[in-house]
Protein backbone atom coordinates (compact mmCIF):
# COMPACT_ATOMS: atom_id res chain seq x y z
CA UNK A 1 -83.28 -55.70 -37.58
CA UNK A 2 -79.54 -56.47 -37.59
CA UNK A 3 -76.61 -54.10 -37.21
CA UNK A 4 -76.02 -53.45 -40.92
CA UNK A 5 -78.91 -51.00 -41.34
CA UNK A 6 -78.23 -48.92 -38.18
CA UNK A 7 -81.88 -48.91 -37.17
CA UNK A 8 -83.03 -46.95 -34.15
CA UNK A 9 -84.63 -49.76 -32.15
CA UNK A 10 -84.97 -53.53 -31.92
CA UNK A 11 -88.13 -55.30 -33.04
CA UNK A 12 -89.62 -58.46 -31.56
CA UNK A 13 -92.70 -59.94 -33.23
CA UNK A 14 -95.32 -60.82 -30.61
CA UNK A 15 -98.11 -61.98 -32.90
CA UNK A 16 -99.64 -61.19 -36.30
CA UNK A 17 -100.92 -57.83 -35.04
CA UNK A 18 -98.15 -56.57 -32.77
CA UNK A 19 -94.42 -56.00 -32.89
CA UNK A 20 -92.59 -54.84 -29.77
CA UNK A 21 -90.24 -51.88 -30.28
CA UNK A 22 -87.38 -51.85 -27.76
CA UNK A 23 -84.74 -49.19 -27.19
CA UNK A 24 -82.52 -47.62 -24.57
CA UNK A 25 -80.76 -44.25 -24.46
CA UNK A 26 -79.12 -42.17 -21.74
CA UNK A 27 -76.43 -39.50 -21.46
CA UNK A 28 -74.77 -36.87 -19.29
CA UNK A 29 -76.47 -33.48 -18.73
CA UNK A 30 -76.69 -31.22 -21.78
CA UNK A 31 -78.60 -28.49 -19.90
CA UNK A 32 -78.13 -27.02 -16.43
CA UNK A 33 -81.68 -27.30 -15.09
CA UNK A 34 -82.32 -30.83 -13.73
CA UNK A 35 -86.00 -30.84 -14.73
CA UNK A 36 -85.14 -29.83 -18.30
CA UNK A 37 -82.37 -32.43 -18.38
CA UNK A 38 -84.96 -35.09 -17.56
CA UNK A 39 -87.31 -33.80 -20.25
CA UNK A 40 -84.63 -33.74 -22.97
CA UNK A 41 -83.24 -37.17 -22.09
CA UNK A 42 -86.70 -38.73 -22.11
CA UNK A 43 -87.73 -37.12 -25.40
CA UNK A 44 -84.47 -38.36 -26.91
CA UNK A 45 -85.09 -41.95 -25.83
CA UNK A 46 -88.75 -41.93 -26.90
CA UNK A 47 -87.67 -40.71 -30.33
CA UNK A 48 -86.17 -44.10 -31.24
CA UNK A 49 -89.61 -45.69 -30.95
CA UNK A 50 -91.21 -42.90 -33.00
CA UNK A 51 -88.54 -43.30 -35.71
CA UNK A 52 -89.67 -46.91 -36.21
CA UNK A 53 -93.32 -45.87 -36.47
CA UNK A 54 -94.11 -47.21 -32.99
CA UNK A 55 -96.24 -45.98 -30.10
CA UNK A 56 -94.47 -45.82 -26.70
CA UNK A 57 -96.24 -47.94 -24.05
CA UNK A 58 -93.93 -48.03 -21.04
CA UNK A 59 -90.53 -46.77 -19.93
CA UNK A 60 -87.94 -47.65 -17.30
CA UNK A 61 -85.67 -45.03 -15.76
CA UNK A 62 -81.89 -45.35 -16.12
CA UNK A 63 -80.31 -43.14 -13.47
CA UNK A 64 -76.69 -42.75 -12.33
CA UNK A 65 -76.02 -39.84 -9.95
CA UNK A 66 -73.76 -38.80 -7.07
CA UNK A 67 -75.71 -39.09 -3.80
CA UNK A 68 -74.37 -35.64 -2.91
CA UNK A 69 -76.79 -34.13 -5.43
CA UNK A 70 -79.63 -34.93 -3.07
CA UNK A 71 -83.22 -36.03 -3.54
CA UNK A 72 -84.42 -32.63 -4.76
CA UNK A 73 -82.15 -32.56 -7.83
CA UNK A 74 -82.55 -36.23 -8.65
CA UNK A 75 -86.31 -35.96 -8.13
CA UNK A 76 -86.49 -33.04 -10.56
CA UNK A 77 -84.67 -35.07 -13.24
CA UNK A 78 -87.05 -37.99 -12.84
CA UNK A 79 -90.07 -35.71 -12.76
CA UNK A 80 -88.98 -34.15 -16.06
CA UNK A 81 -88.56 -37.57 -17.63
CA UNK A 82 -91.92 -38.79 -16.31
CA UNK A 83 -93.72 -35.70 -17.63
CA UNK A 84 -92.44 -36.43 -21.14
CA UNK A 85 -93.39 -40.09 -20.90
CA UNK A 86 -96.92 -39.08 -19.86
CA UNK A 87 -97.03 -36.58 -22.72
CA UNK A 88 -96.26 -39.50 -25.04
CA UNK A 89 -99.26 -41.38 -23.64
CA UNK A 90 -97.03 -43.96 -21.95
CA UNK A 91 -96.24 -44.81 -18.32
CA UNK A 92 -93.02 -44.93 -16.30
CA UNK A 93 -92.99 -48.27 -14.51
CA UNK A 94 -89.80 -48.16 -12.45
CA UNK A 95 -86.17 -48.46 -13.40
CA UNK A 96 -82.74 -48.78 -11.85
CA UNK A 97 -80.45 -46.35 -10.05
CA UNK A 98 -76.74 -46.49 -9.22
CA UNK A 99 -74.36 -44.06 -7.58
CA UNK A 100 -71.91 -42.52 -10.05
CA UNK A 101 -69.55 -39.55 -9.91
CA UNK A 102 -70.81 -38.35 -13.29
CA UNK A 103 -74.60 -37.90 -13.57
CA UNK A 104 -76.42 -39.79 -16.33
CA UNK A 105 -80.08 -40.23 -17.10
CA UNK A 106 -82.27 -41.76 -19.77
CA UNK A 107 -84.92 -44.36 -20.47
CA UNK A 108 -85.42 -47.89 -21.68
CA UNK A 109 -88.61 -47.66 -23.74
CA UNK A 110 -91.08 -50.35 -24.80
CA UNK A 111 -93.43 -49.58 -27.67
CA UNK A 112 -95.75 -51.31 -30.10
CA UNK A 113 -96.30 -51.15 -33.86
CA UNK A 114 -98.30 -53.21 -36.36
CA UNK A 115 -96.01 -55.42 -38.50
CA UNK A 116 -97.25 -53.73 -41.67
CA UNK A 117 -96.55 -50.25 -40.31
CA UNK A 118 -92.91 -50.59 -39.25
CA UNK A 119 -90.79 -47.77 -40.72
CA UNK A 120 -87.13 -48.75 -40.92
CA UNK A 121 -83.91 -46.96 -41.82
CA UNK A 122 -83.78 -49.10 -44.96
CA UNK A 123 -86.34 -48.52 -47.69
CA UNK A 124 -85.75 -45.08 -49.21
CA UNK A 125 -86.55 -45.15 -52.93
CA UNK A 126 -85.37 -43.11 -55.90
CA UNK A 127 -87.48 -39.97 -56.19
CA UNK A 128 -88.53 -39.89 -52.53
CA UNK A 129 -88.70 -36.47 -50.90
CA UNK A 130 -86.66 -36.01 -47.72
CA UNK A 131 -88.09 -34.09 -44.76
CA UNK A 132 -86.43 -33.03 -41.50
CA UNK A 133 -88.75 -32.13 -38.64
CA UNK A 134 -86.44 -30.04 -36.39
CA UNK A 135 -83.70 -27.44 -36.88
CA UNK A 136 -80.09 -28.59 -36.48
CA UNK A 137 -77.23 -26.99 -34.56
CA UNK A 138 -78.18 -27.99 -31.01
CA UNK A 139 -74.65 -29.27 -30.32
CA UNK A 140 -73.17 -25.94 -31.39
CA UNK A 141 -75.71 -24.02 -29.33
CA UNK A 142 -75.12 -26.17 -26.22
CA UNK A 143 -71.37 -25.64 -26.52
CA UNK A 144 -71.94 -21.88 -26.87
CA UNK A 145 -74.10 -21.85 -23.75
CA UNK A 146 -71.45 -23.73 -21.74
CA UNK A 147 -68.81 -21.21 -22.91
CA UNK A 148 -71.07 -18.23 -22.08
CA UNK A 149 -71.22 -17.20 -25.75
CA UNK A 150 -75.02 -17.08 -25.61
CA UNK A 151 -77.41 -16.37 -22.75
CA UNK A 152 -79.77 -18.81 -21.07
CA UNK A 153 -82.64 -16.96 -22.74
CA UNK A 154 -81.05 -17.48 -26.18
CA UNK A 155 -80.57 -21.18 -25.41
CA UNK A 156 -84.13 -21.73 -24.16
CA UNK A 157 -85.66 -22.24 -27.66
CA UNK A 158 -83.12 -25.02 -28.23
CA UNK A 159 -84.17 -26.70 -24.98
CA UNK A 160 -87.84 -26.53 -25.94
CA UNK A 161 -87.09 -27.99 -29.38
CA UNK A 162 -85.08 -30.85 -27.84
CA UNK A 163 -88.02 -31.52 -25.50
CA UNK A 164 -90.50 -31.64 -28.37
CA UNK A 165 -91.68 -35.19 -28.99
CA UNK A 166 -91.50 -36.63 -32.50
CA UNK A 167 -94.96 -38.10 -31.92
CA UNK A 168 -96.97 -36.09 -34.45
CA UNK A 169 -94.47 -36.47 -37.31
CA UNK A 170 -94.24 -40.20 -36.60
CA UNK A 171 -98.02 -40.56 -36.74
CA UNK A 172 -98.16 -38.65 -40.02
CA UNK A 173 -95.41 -40.72 -41.67
CA UNK A 174 -97.08 -43.97 -40.62
CA UNK A 175 -100.43 -42.78 -41.95
CA UNK A 176 -99.05 -42.04 -45.43
CA UNK A 177 -96.74 -45.09 -45.54
CA UNK A 178 -93.28 -43.51 -45.38
CA UNK A 179 -90.57 -45.54 -47.12
CA UNK A 180 -87.87 -44.91 -44.49
CA UNK A 181 -87.12 -42.82 -41.41
CA UNK A 182 -84.55 -42.22 -38.69
CA UNK A 183 -84.00 -39.62 -36.01
CA UNK A 184 -81.06 -37.25 -36.33
CA UNK A 185 -78.88 -37.48 -33.22
CA UNK A 186 -75.20 -38.12 -32.48
CA UNK A 187 -73.99 -38.63 -36.07
CA UNK A 188 -75.45 -35.33 -37.29
CA UNK A 189 -77.60 -34.84 -40.38
CA UNK A 190 -74.96 -36.12 -42.81
CA UNK A 191 -74.15 -39.22 -40.78
CA UNK A 192 -77.73 -40.33 -40.24
CA UNK A 193 -78.73 -39.57 -43.82
CA UNK A 194 -75.77 -41.62 -45.05
CA UNK A 195 -76.87 -44.58 -42.92
CA UNK A 196 -80.31 -44.41 -44.52
CA UNK A 197 -78.89 -44.15 -48.03
CA UNK A 198 -76.32 -46.90 -47.55
CA UNK A 199 -78.86 -49.38 -46.21
CA UNK A 200 -81.28 -48.47 -49.03
CA UNK A 201 -78.73 -48.59 -51.87
CA UNK A 202 -79.41 -45.01 -53.05
CA UNK A 203 -77.96 -41.50 -52.86
CA UNK A 204 -79.45 -38.05 -52.19
CA UNK A 205 -79.24 -34.37 -53.04
CA UNK A 206 -79.80 -31.83 -50.26
CA UNK A 207 -80.65 -28.14 -50.60
CA UNK A 208 -78.61 -26.42 -47.87
CA UNK A 209 -80.97 -23.44 -47.81
CA UNK A 210 -83.93 -25.69 -46.92
CA UNK A 211 -82.29 -27.13 -43.81
CA UNK A 212 -83.45 -25.17 -40.77
CA UNK A 213 -80.78 -23.99 -38.30
CA UNK A 214 -81.09 -22.68 -34.78
CA UNK A 215 -80.59 -18.92 -34.54
CA UNK A 216 -76.88 -18.03 -34.17
CA UNK A 217 -75.67 -21.57 -34.95
CA UNK A 218 -74.14 -20.51 -38.27
CA UNK A 219 -72.37 -17.48 -36.81
CA UNK A 220 -71.10 -19.47 -33.83
CA UNK A 221 -69.72 -22.19 -36.14
CA UNK A 222 -67.98 -19.51 -38.20
CA UNK A 223 -66.26 -18.36 -35.00
CA UNK A 224 -65.16 -21.87 -34.05
CA UNK A 225 -67.68 -22.40 -31.25
CA UNK A 226 -68.44 -26.09 -31.75
CA UNK A 227 -68.35 -29.44 -29.92
CA UNK A 228 -65.01 -31.21 -30.13
CA UNK A 229 -66.70 -34.21 -31.75
CA UNK A 230 -67.56 -32.20 -34.88
CA UNK A 231 -64.02 -32.41 -36.25
CA UNK A 232 -64.11 -36.21 -36.40
CA UNK A 233 -67.70 -36.31 -37.63
CA UNK A 234 -66.96 -33.84 -40.43
CA UNK A 235 -63.86 -35.79 -41.49
CA UNK A 236 -65.97 -38.94 -41.77
CA UNK A 237 -68.75 -37.14 -43.66
CA UNK A 238 -66.27 -35.86 -46.24
CA UNK A 239 -65.77 -39.45 -47.40
CA UNK A 240 -69.33 -39.61 -48.78
CA UNK A 241 -70.43 -35.98 -49.16
CA UNK A 242 -69.90 -33.42 -51.95
CA UNK A 243 -70.69 -29.78 -51.17
CA UNK A 244 -70.99 -27.60 -54.25
CA UNK A 245 -69.41 -24.43 -52.85
CA UNK A 246 -66.08 -22.70 -52.29
CA UNK A 247 -63.67 -24.19 -49.75
CA UNK A 248 -64.62 -21.86 -46.88
CA UNK A 249 -68.35 -22.49 -47.33
CA UNK A 250 -67.74 -26.21 -47.62
CA UNK A 251 -65.97 -26.26 -44.27
CA UNK A 252 -68.75 -24.29 -42.59
CA UNK A 253 -71.49 -26.55 -43.93
CA UNK A 254 -69.59 -29.71 -43.00
CA UNK A 255 -69.25 -28.41 -39.44
CA UNK A 256 -72.95 -27.56 -39.14
CA UNK A 257 -74.37 -30.58 -40.97
CA UNK A 258 -72.10 -32.94 -39.00
CA UNK A 259 -73.02 -31.33 -35.67
CA UNK A 260 -74.13 -34.08 -33.23
CA UNK A 261 -77.72 -33.47 -32.20
CA UNK A 262 -79.54 -34.33 -29.00
CA UNK A 263 -83.20 -35.29 -29.37
CA UNK A 264 -83.18 -34.16 -32.98
CA UNK A 265 -85.96 -34.36 -35.52
CA UNK A 266 -87.13 -37.21 -37.71
CA UNK A 267 -85.57 -37.55 -41.16
CA UNK A 268 -88.29 -39.07 -43.34
CA UNK A 269 -88.37 -40.38 -46.94
CA UNK A 270 -91.81 -39.91 -48.52
CA UNK A 271 -92.98 -40.93 -52.02
CA UNK A 272 -93.72 -37.85 -54.19
CA UNK A 273 -97.37 -38.86 -54.60
CA UNK A 274 -97.78 -38.87 -50.79
CA UNK A 275 -95.86 -35.66 -50.12
CA UNK A 276 -98.77 -33.22 -50.17
CA UNK A 277 -100.83 -35.37 -47.83
CA UNK A 278 -97.86 -35.84 -45.49
CA UNK A 279 -97.19 -32.11 -45.36
CA UNK A 280 -100.84 -31.38 -44.62
CA UNK A 281 -101.02 -34.01 -41.88
CA UNK A 282 -97.85 -32.76 -40.21
CA UNK A 283 -99.10 -29.18 -40.20
CA UNK A 284 -102.44 -30.26 -38.74
CA UNK A 285 -100.89 -32.43 -36.02
CA UNK A 286 -97.79 -30.38 -35.21
CA UNK A 287 -99.16 -26.91 -35.80
CA UNK A 288 -96.34 -25.95 -38.16
CA UNK A 289 -94.85 -27.04 -41.46
CA UNK A 290 -91.57 -28.92 -41.73
CA UNK A 291 -89.15 -28.38 -44.63
CA UNK A 292 -88.57 -30.66 -47.60
CA UNK A 293 -84.77 -30.64 -47.60
CA UNK A 294 -83.90 -32.89 -50.53
CA UNK A 295 -84.58 -35.84 -52.80
CA UNK A 296 -83.36 -39.43 -53.09
CA UNK A 297 -81.36 -40.12 -56.27
CA UNK A 298 -80.39 -43.21 -58.26
CA UNK A 299 -76.84 -43.97 -57.28
CA UNK A 300 -75.77 -47.00 -55.26
CA UNK A 301 -72.66 -45.21 -53.94
CA UNK A 302 -74.75 -43.69 -51.10
CA UNK A 303 -73.29 -40.24 -51.70
CA UNK A 304 -74.79 -37.01 -50.46
CA UNK A 305 -74.64 -33.94 -52.71
CA UNK A 306 -75.30 -30.63 -50.96
CA UNK A 307 -76.34 -27.73 -53.17
CA UNK A 308 -75.66 -24.27 -51.74
């Protein structure tokens, strides 16, 4: 796909009916429980295939751990990852392990998609509706949990959301012919939306009230409980984002909307005439509605306007 469009995975055409979707993703633990760490890391890696409209087929483990952790801990991580791969309808077929002082885990995923059904980061069109399938603020919530600002029970819904596969939303967007999609991860909502807009040659307006947040994320951000990376991400986002609010509210929204996500939702651009069908399909497949957070506008500057 090339580097200029910041797509989520590589594509290799196999024949007239099949394109291979290839990706790799791994990171250090974001949760304490090793089984949950495996689940989150696997869901995060699988998401890159879903963002391109693909179906995961097989996955390889990427594991770097201190031997001192022992087989029980490492086994729990791999079991969590394998359970998510099986949930995706794919198989884990091996992998590679090295000893490392800092634990890391993730997957290299192989998927398939029909050439006519590839959904890329580039392709959003003027008038498209923008949907986001998961709440944001997981980075803020994870930081709060590490600093004992929230309990494990309060953090559990975030873990379950990070473990949720983007399978159903991906299937729905492919079925209606989405114009563009990406998953929202390390660059936050503003960063990933900007990549989509820049590669498509358009801009967008976002309704801040339509963007779902994890419980307590807003209050925690107000109190300065945030990942260190947010400061740099927000500074970058300010170059292409206008927030129509007072200075204090602007700063708060920049911090939340630039929050780096782990295993975040799909950000999807859908033609207005397909919106109702997409919403219905998502609700049927996922069991809940997802919010329409904004609209693509005619401006080649790739700016994001956030209405509060």
